[in-house]
């Protein structure tokens, strides 16, 4: 009975999964060797079995500890694998995004390359147009040069013509003046003017400048001395009339005398004759000098 209790105590120290096989083992020993083993032999066996059981228990404890550690490591590994799988998933998503962005970038680059090509073509067209424009400008410059040469020639001819016209005008004007000097005293007498001495052509100095008057002289009008000033023109203009009027005002101030103004011409257009009357200038037609 003592032996059985001691065996049961030993079996309690053994891991549960080994208890049944050991119990069968003890039963077999008890059956086969029980009669042949002495108490002393059994006690020695018992000590060795207890030592074996302790070593076995320690080994099993270490094995289970290792198993638990492996299980924990496996758990951590699986967790890490899940994390890696999730990271891989995110990496693949990011790679897909980058691939899509790369695709769009390449498409944009292709668009820019096409636009650059069109820009270069347009620049080539503009360069060609600029070349043609410069050629055209050169042609125009050459034509302008020839035109200027023609104009210079025409201006020279015009200058010569103006000189001839001025000479002719001077000749006509001098002829008209010479006739006026003789006829005007009689004509002016009809307006109550009595000419002193003679009428003549004279240069006068006004505001530091010398000016020529075609007709210059003095006369008496109702016992008062007046200054007779006049111009002889083929066909006077409003500009010449205005200039003559300003000169008359300056000389009236200088001489301190009233001025009787006359204009002798071959032709007085109606507007010119009206302008003369407005400015109190007597128009005398050339045929009145006969």
C-alpha atoms as a PDB file:
ATOM      1  CA  UNK A   1       0.000   0.000   0.000  1.00  0.00           C
ATOM      2  CA  UNK A   2       2.855   2.353   0.811  1.00  0.00           C
ATOM      3  CA  UNK A   3       4.420   1.657  -2.553  1.00  0.00           C
ATOM      4  CA  UNK A   4       1.230   2.443  -4.423  1.00  0.00           C
ATOM      5  CA  UNK A   5       0.803   5.746  -2.585  1.00  0.00           C
ATOM      6  CA  UNK A   6       4.330   6.734  -3.324  1.00  0.00           C
ATOM      7  CA  UNK A   7       3.840   5.835  -7.012  1.00  0.00           C
ATOM      8  CA  UNK A   8       0.706   7.936  -7.106  1.00  0.00           C
ATOM      9  CA  UNK A   9       2.617  10.889  -5.631  1.00  0.00           C
ATOM     10  CA  UNK A  10       5.288  10.413  -8.257  1.00  0.00           C
ATOM     11  CA  UNK A  11       2.698  10.274 -11.044  1.00  0.00           C
ATOM     12  CA  UNK A  12       1.201  13.568  -9.793  1.00  0.00           C
ATOM     13  CA  UNK A  13       4.530  15.239 -10.532  1.00  0.00           C
ATOM     14  CA  UNK A  14       4.523  13.929 -14.095  1.00  0.00           C
ATOM     15  CA  UNK A  15       2.764  15.959 -16.830  1.00  0.00           C
ATOM     16  CA  UNK A  16      -0.791  14.753 -17.405  1.00  0.00           C
ATOM     17  CA  UNK A  17      -0.089  13.417 -20.890  1.00  0.00           C
ATOM     18  CA  UNK A  18       2.560  11.016 -19.413  1.00  0.00           C
ATOM     19  CA  UNK A  19       0.584   9.779 -16.453  1.00  0.00           C
ATOM     20  CA  UNK A  20      -1.388   7.071 -18.273  1.00  0.00           C
ATOM     21  CA  UNK A  21       1.628   5.530 -20.060  1.00  0.00           C
ATOM     22  CA  UNK A  22       3.609   5.543 -16.799  1.00  0.00           C
ATOM     23  CA  UNK A  23       0.723   4.029 -14.904  1.00  0.00           C
ATOM     24  CA  UNK A  24       0.638   1.171 -17.403  1.00  0.00           C
ATOM     25  CA  UNK A  25       4.415   0.910 -17.080  1.00  0.00           C
ATOM     26  CA  UNK A  26       4.183   0.655 -13.296  1.00  0.00           C
ATOM     27  CA  UNK A  27       1.448  -1.931 -13.613  1.00  0.00           C
ATOM     28  CA  UNK A  28       3.616  -4.032 -15.894  1.00  0.00           C
ATOM     29  CA  UNK A  29       6.562  -3.788 -13.521  1.00  0.00           C
ATOM     30  CA  UNK A  30       4.355  -4.704 -10.624  1.00  0.00           C
ATOM     31  CA  UNK A  31       3.043  -7.714 -12.491  1.00  0.00           C
ATOM     32  CA  UNK A  32       6.315  -8.985 -13.948  1.00  0.00           C
ATOM     33  CA  UNK A  33       8.869  -7.986 -11.403  1.00  0.00           C
ATOM     34  CA  UNK A  34       6.933  -7.416  -8.227  1.00  0.00           C
ATOM     35  CA  UNK A  35       7.730 -10.806  -6.821  1.00  0.00           C
ATOM     36  CA  UNK A  36      11.388 -10.694  -7.751  1.00  0.00           C
ATOM     37  CA  UNK A  37      12.200  -7.139  -6.567  1.00  0.00           C
ATOM     38  CA  UNK A  38      13.200  -6.612  -3.011  1.00  0.00           C
ATOM     39  CA  UNK A  39      12.149  -3.635  -1.060  1.00  0.00           C
ATOM     40  CA  UNK A  40      15.635  -2.268  -1.264  1.00  0.00           C
ATOM     41  CA  UNK A  41      15.670  -2.675  -5.075  1.00  0.00           C
ATOM     42  CA  UNK A  42      12.300  -0.996  -5.379  1.00  0.00           C
ATOM     43  CA  UNK A  43      13.442   1.951  -3.276  1.00  0.00           C
ATOM     44  CA  UNK A  44      16.477   2.371  -5.494  1.00  0.00           C
ATOM     45  CA  UNK A  45      14.241   2.144  -8.551  1.00  0.00           C
ATOM     46  CA  UNK A  46      11.911   4.593  -6.948  1.00  0.00           C
ATOM     47  CA  UNK A  47      14.697   7.123  -6.406  1.00  0.00           C
ATOM     48  CA  UNK A  48      15.924   6.754  -9.941  1.00  0.00           C
ATOM     49  CA  UNK A  49      12.341   7.059 -11.228  1.00  0.00           C
ATOM     50  CA  UNK A  50      11.754  10.189  -9.144  1.00  0.00           C
ATOM     51  CA  UNK A  51      14.946  11.696 -10.569  1.00  0.00           C
ATOM     52  CA  UNK A  52      13.797  10.701 -14.057  1.00  0.00           C
ATOM     53  CA  UNK A  53      10.381  12.162 -13.399  1.00  0.00           C
ATOM     54  CA  UNK A  54      11.913  15.400 -12.163  1.00  0.00           C
ATOM     55  CA  UNK A  55      14.230  15.624 -15.169  1.00  0.00           C
ATOM     56  CA  UNK A  56      11.325  14.758 -17.451  1.00  0.00           C
ATOM     57  CA  UNK A  57       9.122  17.366 -15.792  1.00  0.00           C
ATOM     58  CA  UNK A  58      11.897  19.967 -16.132  1.00  0.00           C
ATOM     59  CA  UNK A  59      12.426  18.996 -19.754  1.00  0.00           C
ATOM     60  CA  UNK A  60       8.700  19.169 -20.428  1.00  0.00           C
ATOM     61  CA  UNK A  61       8.547  22.513 -18.658  1.00  0.00           C
ATOM     62  CA  UNK A  62      11.361  23.779 -20.865  1.00  0.00           C
ATOM     63  CA  UNK A  63       9.712  22.290 -23.954  1.00  0.00           C
ATOM     64  CA  UNK A  64       6.392  23.942 -23.138  1.00  0.00           C
ATOM     65  CA  UNK A  65       8.158  27.158 -22.345  1.00  0.00           C
ATOM     66  CA  UNK A  66       9.923  26.932 -25.700  1.00  0.00           C
ATOM     67  CA  UNK A  67       6.607  26.032 -27.354  1.00  0.00           C
ATOM     68  CA  UNK A  68       4.933  29.007 -25.683  1.00  0.00           C
ATOM     69  CA  UNK A  69       7.817  31.252 -26.718  1.00  0.00           C
ATOM     70  CA  UNK A  70       7.593  29.875 -30.247  1.00  0.00           C
ATOM     71  CA  UNK A  71       3.835  30.399 -30.186  1.00  0.00           C
ATOM     72  CA  UNK A  72       4.340  33.993 -28.990  1.00  0.00           C
ATOM     73  CA  UNK A  73       7.050  34.492 -31.607  1.00  0.00           C
ATOM     74  CA  UNK A  74       4.734  32.950 -34.203  1.00  0.00           C
ATOM     75  CA  UNK A  75       2.002  35.323 -33.076  1.00  0.00           C
ATOM     76  CA  UNK A  76       4.359  38.266 -33.367  1.00  0.00           C
ATOM     77  CA  UNK A  77       5.587  36.963 -36.729  1.00  0.00           C
ATOM     78  CA  UNK A  78       2.024  36.666 -38.003  1.00  0.00           C
ATOM     79  CA  UNK A  79       1.301  40.168 -36.697  1.00  0.00           C
ATOM     80  CA  UNK A  80       4.425  41.414 -38.390  1.00  0.00           C
ATOM     81  CA  UNK A  81       3.497  39.526 -41.554  1.00  0.00           C
ATOM     82  CA  UNK A  82       0.059  41.141 -41.434  1.00  0.00           C
ATOM     83  CA  UNK A  83       1.710  44.521 -40.988  1.00  0.00           C
ATOM     84  CA  UNK A  84       4.075  43.743 -43.871  1.00  0.00           C
ATOM     85  CA  UNK A  85       1.123  42.571 -45.969  1.00  0.00           C
ATOM     86  CA  UNK A  86      -0.704  45.825 -45.174  1.00  0.00           C
ATOM     87  CA  UNK A  87       2.439  47.812 -45.935  1.00  0.00           C
ATOM     88  CA  UNK A  88       2.840  45.830 -49.144  1.00  0.00           C
ATOM     89  CA  UNK A  89      -0.763  46.610 -49.998  1.00  0.00           C
ATOM     90  CA  UNK A  90      -0.171  50.325 -49.362  1.00  0.00           C
ATOM     91  CA  UNK A  91       3.080  50.106 -51.326  1.00  0.00           C
ATOM     92  CA  UNK A  92       1.284  48.539 -54.260  1.00  0.00           C
ATOM     93  CA  UNK A  93      -1.450  51.195 -54.059  1.00  0.00           C
ATOM     94  CA  UNK A  94       1.228  53.902 -53.946  1.00  0.00           C
ATOM     95  CA  UNK A  95       3.040  52.239 -56.832  1.00  0.00           C
ATOM     96  CA  UNK A  96      -0.238  52.164 -58.785  1.00  0.00           C
ATOM     97  CA  UNK A  97      -0.714  55.857 -58.001  1.00  0.00           C
ATOM     98  CA  UNK A  98       2.856  56.580 -59.077  1.00  0.00           C
ATOM     99  CA  UNK A  99       2.343  54.542 -62.222  1.00  0.00           C
ATOM    100  CA  UNK A 100      -0.834  56.527 -62.987  1.00  0.00           C
ATOM    101  CA  UNK A 101       0.995  59.787 -62.251  1.00  0.00           C
ATOM    102  CA  UNK A 102       3.866  58.633 -64.468  1.00  0.00           C
ATOM    103  CA  UNK A 103       1.386  57.814 -67.209  1.00  0.00           C
ATOM    104  CA  UNK A 104      -0.184  61.282 -66.908  1.00  0.00           C
ATOM    105  CA  UNK A 105       3.271  62.856 -66.818  1.00  0.00           C
ATOM    106  CA  UNK A 106       4.257  61.047 -69.995  1.00  0.00           C
ATOM    107  CA  UNK A 107       0.988  62.094 -71.629  1.00  0.00           C
ATOM    108  CA  UNK A 108       1.625  65.706 -70.562  1.00  0.00           C
ATOM    109  CA  UNK A 109       5.200  65.494 -71.823  1.00  0.00           C
ATOM    110  CA  UNK A 110       3.900  64.177 -75.140  1.00  0.00           C
ATOM    111  CA  UNK A 111       1.438  67.077 -75.277  1.00  0.00           C
ATOM    112  CA  UNK A 112       4.221  69.548 -74.478  1.00  0.00           C
ATOM    113  CA  UNK A 113       6.462  67.950 -77.094  1.00  0.00           C
ATOM    114  CA  UNK A 114       3.657  68.269 -79.642  1.00  0.00           C
ATOM    115  CA  UNK A 115       3.050  71.888 -78.594  1.00  0.00           C
ATOM    116  CA  UNK A 116       6.793  72.558 -78.820  1.00  0.00           C
ATOM    117  CA  UNK A 117       6.807  71.067 -82.291  1.00  0.00           C
ATOM    118  CA  UNK A 118       3.909  73.297 -83.343  1.00  0.00           C
ATOM    119  CA  UNK A 119       5.636  76.304 -81.731  1.00  0.00           C
ATOM    120  CA  UNK A 120       8.827  75.580 -83.656  1.00  0.00           C
ATOM    121  CA  UNK A 121       6.818  75.221 -86.855  1.00  0.00           C
ATOM    122  CA  UNK A 122       5.094  78.542 -86.118  1.00  0.00           C
ATOM    123  CA  UNK A 123       8.440  80.176 -85.370  1.00  0.00           C
ATOM    124  CA  UNK A 124       9.799  78.852 -88.648  1.00  0.00           C
ATOM    125  CA  UNK A 125       6.758  80.293 -90.415  1.00  0.00           C
ATOM    126  CA  UNK A 126       7.253  83.628 -88.650  1.00  0.00           C
ATOM    127  CA  UNK A 127      10.964  83.589 -89.481  1.00  0.00           C
ATOM    128  CA  UNK A 128      10.112  82.958 -93.123  1.00  0.00           C
ATOM    129  CA  UNK A 129       7.491  85.720 -93.034  1.00  0.00           C
ATOM    130  CA  UNK A 130      10.028  88.029 -91.361  1.00  0.00           C
ATOM    131  CA  UNK A 131      12.521  87.215 -94.079  1.00  0.00           C
ATOM    132  CA  UNK A 132       9.959  88.029 -96.754  1.00  0.00           C
ATOM    133  CA  UNK A 133       9.007  91.211 -94.867  1.00  0.00           C
ATOM    134  CA  UNK A 134      12.646  92.292 -94.722  1.00  0.00           C
ATOM    135  CA  UNK A 135      13.033  91.548 -98.414  1.00  0.00           C
ATOM    136  CA  UNK A 136       9.890  93.576 -99.081  1.00  0.00           C
ATOM    137  CA  UNK A 137      11.169  96.402 -96.864  1.00  0.00           C
ATOM    138  CA  UNK A 138      14.445  96.361 -98.746  1.00  0.00           C
ATOM    139  CA  UNK A 139      12.487  96.589-101.994  1.00  0.00           C
ATOM    140  CA  UNK A 140      10.414  99.435-100.570  1.00  0.00           C
ATOM    141  CA  UNK A 141      13.552 101.166 -99.294  1.00  0.00           C
ATOM    142  CA  UNK A 142      15.051 100.887-102.754  1.00  0.00           C
ATOM    143  CA  UNK A 143      11.815 102.156-104.283  1.00  0.00           C
ATOM    144  CA  UNK A 144      11.746 104.963-101.694  1.00  0.00           C
ATOM    145  CA  UNK A 145      15.303 105.860-102.603  1.00  0.00           C
ATOM    146  CA  UNK A 146      14.369 106.036-106.278  1.00  0.00           C
ATOM    147  CA  UNK A 147      11.221 108.016-105.393  1.00  0.00           C
ATOM    148  CA  UNK A 148      13.280 110.472-103.348  1.00  0.00           C
ATOM    149  CA  UNK A 149      15.672 110.862-106.258  1.00  0.00           C
ATOM    150  CA  UNK A 150      12.707 111.524-108.550  1.00  0.00           C
ATOM    151  CA  UNK A 151      11.234 113.954-106.004  1.00  0.00           C
ATOM    152  CA  UNK A 152      14.548 115.765-105.646  1.00  0.00           C
ATOM    153  CA  UNK A 153      14.652 116.097-109.392  1.00  0.00           C
ATOM    154  CA  UNK A 154      11.036 117.272-109.421  1.00  0.00           C
ATOM    155  CA  UNK A 155      11.726 119.743-106.591  1.00  0.00           C
ATOM    156  CA  UNK A 156      14.679 121.133-108.485  1.00  0.00           C
ATOM    157  CA  UNK A 157      12.493 121.554-111.537  1.00  0.00           C
ATOM    158  CA  UNK A 158       9.756 123.037-109.319  1.00  0.00           C
ATOM    159  CA  UNK A 159      12.264 125.449-107.774  1.00  0.00           C
ATOM    160  CA  UNK A 160      13.330 126.510-111.209  1.00  0.00           C
ATOM    161  CA  UNK A 161       9.673 126.851-112.195  1.00  0.00           C
ATOM    162  CA  UNK A 162       8.947 128.891-109.064  1.00  0.00           C
ATOM    163  CA  UNK A 163      11.910 131.080-109.843  1.00  0.00           C
ATOM    164  CA  UNK A 164      10.541 131.609-113.340  1.00  0.00           C
ATOM    165  CA  UNK A 165       7.030 132.194-111.987  1.00  0.00           C
ATOM    166  CA  UNK A 166       8.351 134.561-109.349  1.00  0.00           C
ATOM    167  CA  UNK A 167      10.331 136.323-112.002  1.00  0.00           C
ATOM    168  CA  UNK A 168       7.266 136.522-114.188  1.00  0.00           C
ATOM    169  CA  UNK A 169       5.157 137.561-111.192  1.00  0.00           C
ATOM    170  CA  UNK A 170       7.702 140.192-110.279  1.00  0.00           C
ATOM    171  CA  UNK A 171       7.675 141.411-113.860  1.00  0.00           C
ATOM    172  CA  UNK A 172       3.878 141.521-113.870  1.00  0.00           C
ATOM    173  CA  UNK A 173       3.856 143.045-110.366  1.00  0.00           C
ATOM    174  CA  UNK A 174       6.424 145.681-111.235  1.00  0.00           C
ATOM    175  CA  UNK A 175       4.492 146.515-114.385  1.00  0.00           C
ATOM    176  CA  UNK A 176       1.301 146.768-112.310  1.00  0.00           C
ATOM    177  CA  UNK A 177       3.069 148.944-109.734  1.00  0.00           C
ATOM    178  CA  UNK A 178       4.539 151.246-112.358  1.00  0.00           C
ATOM    179  CA  UNK A 179       1.121 151.733-113.894  1.00  0.00           C
ATOM    180  CA  UNK A 180      -0.357 152.307-110.421  1.00  0.00           C
ATOM    181  CA  UNK A 181       2.111 155.065-109.553  1.00  0.00           C
ATOM    182  CA  UNK A 182       0.895 157.070-112.552  1.00  0.00           C
ATOM    183  CA  UNK A 183      -2.823 156.354-112.309  1.00  0.00           C
ATOM    184  CA  UNK A 184      -3.446 156.248-108.558  1.00  0.00           C
ATOM    185  CA  UNK A 185      -3.265 160.015-107.835  1.00  0.00           C
ATOM    186  CA  UNK A 186      -6.143 160.582-110.220  1.00  0.00           C
ATOM    187  CA  UNK A 187      -8.138 157.614-108.917  1.00  0.00           C
ATOM    188  CA  UNK A 188      -7.598 158.602-105.256  1.00  0.00           C
ATOM    189  CA  UNK A 189      -8.700 162.159-105.974  1.00  0.00           C
ATOM    190  CA  UNK A 190     -12.169 160.705-106.559  1.00  0.00           C
ATOM    191  CA  UNK A 191     -12.155 159.671-102.880  1.00  0.00           C
ATOM    192  CA  UNK A 192     -11.129 163.182-101.716  1.00  0.00           C
ATOM    193  CA  UNK A 193      -7.417 162.418-101.456  1.00  0.00           C
ATOM    194  CA  UNK A 194      -4.782 164.822-102.746  1.00  0.00           C
ATOM    195  CA  UNK A 195      -1.449 163.011-103.124  1.00  0.00           C
ATOM    196  CA  UNK A 196       1.669 164.846-101.963  1.00  0.00           C
ATOM    197  CA  UNK A 197       4.696 164.585-104.244  1.00  0.00           C
ATOM    198  CA  UNK A 198       4.555 161.065-105.676  1.00  0.00           C
ATOM    199  CA  UNK A 199       3.770 157.471-104.731  1.00  0.00           C
ATOM    200  CA  UNK A 200       6.653 155.023-104.708  1.00  0.00           C
ATOM    201  CA  UNK A 201       7.954 151.571-103.674  1.00  0.00           C
ATOM    202  CA  UNK A 202       9.624 151.711-100.271  1.00  0.00           C
ATOM    203  CA  UNK A 203      11.376 149.518 -97.704  1.00  0.00           C
ATOM    204  CA  UNK A 204      10.260 150.203 -94.147  1.00  0.00           C
ATOM    205  CA  UNK A 205      11.674 148.918 -90.863  1.00  0.00           C
ATOM    206  CA  UNK A 206       9.149 147.394 -88.472  1.00  0.00           C
ATOM    207  CA  UNK A 207      10.148 145.645 -85.229  1.00  0.00           C
ATOM    208  CA  UNK A 208      13.742 145.421 -86.406  1.00  0.00           C
ATOM    209  CA  UNK A 209      12.838 143.850 -89.767  1.00  0.00           C
ATOM    210  CA  UNK A 210      12.838 145.456 -93.180  1.00  0.00           C
ATOM    211  CA  UNK A 211       9.611 145.070 -95.129  1.00  0.00           C
ATOM    212  CA  UNK A 212       8.786 146.179 -98.669  1.00  0.00           C
ATOM    213  CA  UNK A 213       5.624 148.109 -99.474  1.00  0.00           C
ATOM    214  CA  UNK A 214       4.611 148.278-103.136  1.00  0.00           C
ATOM    215  CA  UNK A 215       2.810 151.605-102.708  1.00  0.00           C
ATOM    216  CA  UNK A 216       3.853 154.245-100.170  1.00  0.00           C
ATOM    217  CA  UNK A 217       3.121 157.948 -99.953  1.00  0.00           C
ATOM    218  CA  UNK A 218       1.235 160.810 -98.262  1.00  0.00           C
ATOM    219  CA  UNK A 219      -1.936 162.711 -99.076  1.00  0.00           C
ATOM    220  CA  UNK A 220      -4.360 165.243 -97.630  1.00  0.00           C
ATOM    221  CA  UNK A 221      -7.912 164.210 -96.821  1.00  0.00           C
ATOM    222  CA  UNK A 222     -10.255 166.949 -95.664  1.00  0.00           C
ATOM    223  CA  UNK A 223      -7.247 169.018 -94.643  1.00  0.00           C
ATOM    224  CA  UNK A 224      -5.741 166.160 -92.617  1.00  0.00           C
ATOM    225  CA  UNK A 225      -2.530 164.414 -93.585  1.00  0.00           C
ATOM    226  CA  UNK A 226      -2.841 160.659 -94.084  1.00  0.00           C
ATOM    227  CA  UNK A 227      -0.470 157.831 -94.944  1.00  0.00           C
ATOM    228  CA  UNK A 228      -1.231 155.960 -98.170  1.00  0.00           C
ATOM    229  CA  UNK A 229      -0.178 152.290 -98.079  1.00  0.00           C
ATOM    230  CA  UNK A 230      -0.896 149.691-100.723  1.00  0.00           C
ATOM    231  CA  UNK A 231       0.023 146.408-102.334  1.00  0.00           C
ATOM    232  CA  UNK A 232       0.021 145.402-106.008  1.00  0.00           C
ATOM    233  CA  UNK A 233      -0.629 141.711-106.664  1.00  0.00           C
ATOM    234  CA  UNK A 234      -1.747 139.605-109.583  1.00  0.00           C
ATOM    235  CA  UNK A 235      -4.362 137.842-107.406  1.00  0.00           C
ATOM    236  CA  UNK A 236      -4.182 138.505-103.660  1.00  0.00           C
ATOM    237  CA  UNK A 237      -4.855 135.867-100.985  1.00  0.00           C
ATOM    238  CA  UNK A 238      -6.407 136.200 -97.545  1.00  0.00           C
ATOM    239  CA  UNK A 239      -3.002 135.486 -96.032  1.00  0.00           C
ATOM    240  CA  UNK A 240      -1.425 138.374 -97.947  1.00  0.00           C
ATOM    241  CA  UNK A 241      -4.295 140.642 -96.927  1.00  0.00           C
ATOM    242  CA  UNK A 242      -3.859 139.744 -93.243  1.00  0.00           C
ATOM    243  CA  UNK A 243      -0.120 140.330 -93.407  1.00  0.00           C
ATOM    244  CA  UNK A 244      -0.660 143.703 -95.134  1.00  0.00           C
ATOM    245  CA  UNK A 245      -3.199 144.797 -92.512  1.00  0.00           C
ATOM    246  CA  UNK A 246      -0.783 144.034 -89.636  1.00  0.00           C
ATOM    247  CA  UNK A 247       1.966 146.008 -91.389  1.00  0.00           C
ATOM    248  CA  UNK A 248      -0.398 148.969 -91.814  1.00  0.00           C
ATOM    249  CA  UNK A 249      -1.223 148.998 -88.096  1.00  0.00           C
ATOM    250  CA  UNK A 250       2.466 148.990 -87.183  1.00  0.00           C
ATOM    251  CA  UNK A 251       3.274 151.864 -89.541  1.00  0.00           C
ATOM    252  CA  UNK A 252       0.257 153.871 -88.363  1.00  0.00           C
ATOM    253  CA  UNK A 253       1.576 153.656 -84.806  1.00  0.00           C
ATOM    254  CA  UNK A 254       5.098 154.491 -85.957  1.00  0.00           C
ATOM    255  CA  UNK A 255       4.069 157.475 -88.131  1.00  0.00           C
ATOM    256  CA  UNK A 256       1.266 158.643 -85.849  1.00  0.00           C
ATOM    257  CA  UNK A 257      -1.012 159.125 -88.868  1.00  0.00           C
ATOM    258  CA  UNK A 258      -4.240 157.581 -90.067  1.00  0.00           C
ATOM    259  CA  UNK A 259      -3.755 155.124 -92.958  1.00  0.00           C
ATOM    260  CA  UNK A 260      -5.658 154.895 -96.231  1.00  0.00           C
ATOM    261  CA  UNK A 261      -5.242 151.319 -97.457  1.00  0.00           C
ATOM    262  CA  UNK A 262      -5.478 150.153-101.079  1.00  0.00           C
ATOM    263  CA  UNK A 263      -4.945 146.883-102.932  1.00  0.00           C
ATOM    264  CA  UNK A 264      -4.246 146.843-106.688  1.00  0.00           C
ATOM    265  CA  UNK A 265      -4.688 143.533-108.536  1.00  0.00           C
ATOM    266  CA  UNK A 266      -5.570 141.980-111.846  1.00  0.00           C
ATOM    267  CA  UNK A 267      -8.205 139.760-110.219  1.00  0.00           C
ATOM    268  CA  UNK A 268     -10.314 139.931-107.063  1.00  0.00           C
ATOM    269  CA  UNK A 269     -12.391 136.794-106.410  1.00  0.00           C
ATOM    270  CA  UNK A 270     -15.677 137.675-104.638  1.00  0.00           C
ATOM    271  CA  UNK A 271     -14.504 136.249-101.302  1.00  0.00           C
ATOM    272  CA  UNK A 272     -11.275 138.283-101.498  1.00  0.00           C
ATOM    273  CA  UNK A 273     -13.103 141.465-102.430  1.00  0.00           C
ATOM    274  CA  UNK A 274     -15.497 140.928 -99.510  1.00  0.00           C
ATOM    275  CA  UNK A 275     -12.519 140.373 -97.176  1.00  0.00           C
ATOM    276  CA  UNK A 276     -10.966 143.682 -98.354  1.00  0.00           C
ATOM    277  CA  UNK A 277     -14.153 145.611 -97.658  1.00  0.00           C
ATOM    278  CA  UNK A 278     -14.387 144.074 -94.145  1.00  0.00           C
ATOM    279  CA  UNK A 279     -10.889 145.329 -93.388  1.00  0.00           C
ATOM    280  CA  UNK A 280     -11.576 148.780 -94.872  1.00  0.00           C
ATOM    281  CA  UNK A 281      -9.124 148.246 -97.770  1.00  0.00           C
ATOM    282  CA  UNK A 282      -9.928 149.795-101.157  1.00  0.00           C
ATOM    283  CA  UNK A 283      -9.690 147.242-104.027  1.00  0.00           C
ATOM    284  CA  UNK A 284      -8.543 148.761-107.340  1.00  0.00           C
ATOM    285  CA  UNK A 285      -8.751 146.640-110.469  1.00  0.00           C
ATOM    286  CA  UNK A 286      -5.860 146.773-112.894  1.00  0.00           C
ATOM    287  CA  UNK A 287      -8.136 147.909-115.725  1.00  0.00           C
ATOM    288  CA  UNK A 288      -9.017 150.989-113.657  1.00  0.00           C
ATOM    289  CA  UNK A 289      -5.422 152.062-114.096  1.00  0.00           C
ATOM    290  CA  UNK A 290      -5.895 152.634-117.839  1.00  0.00           C
END
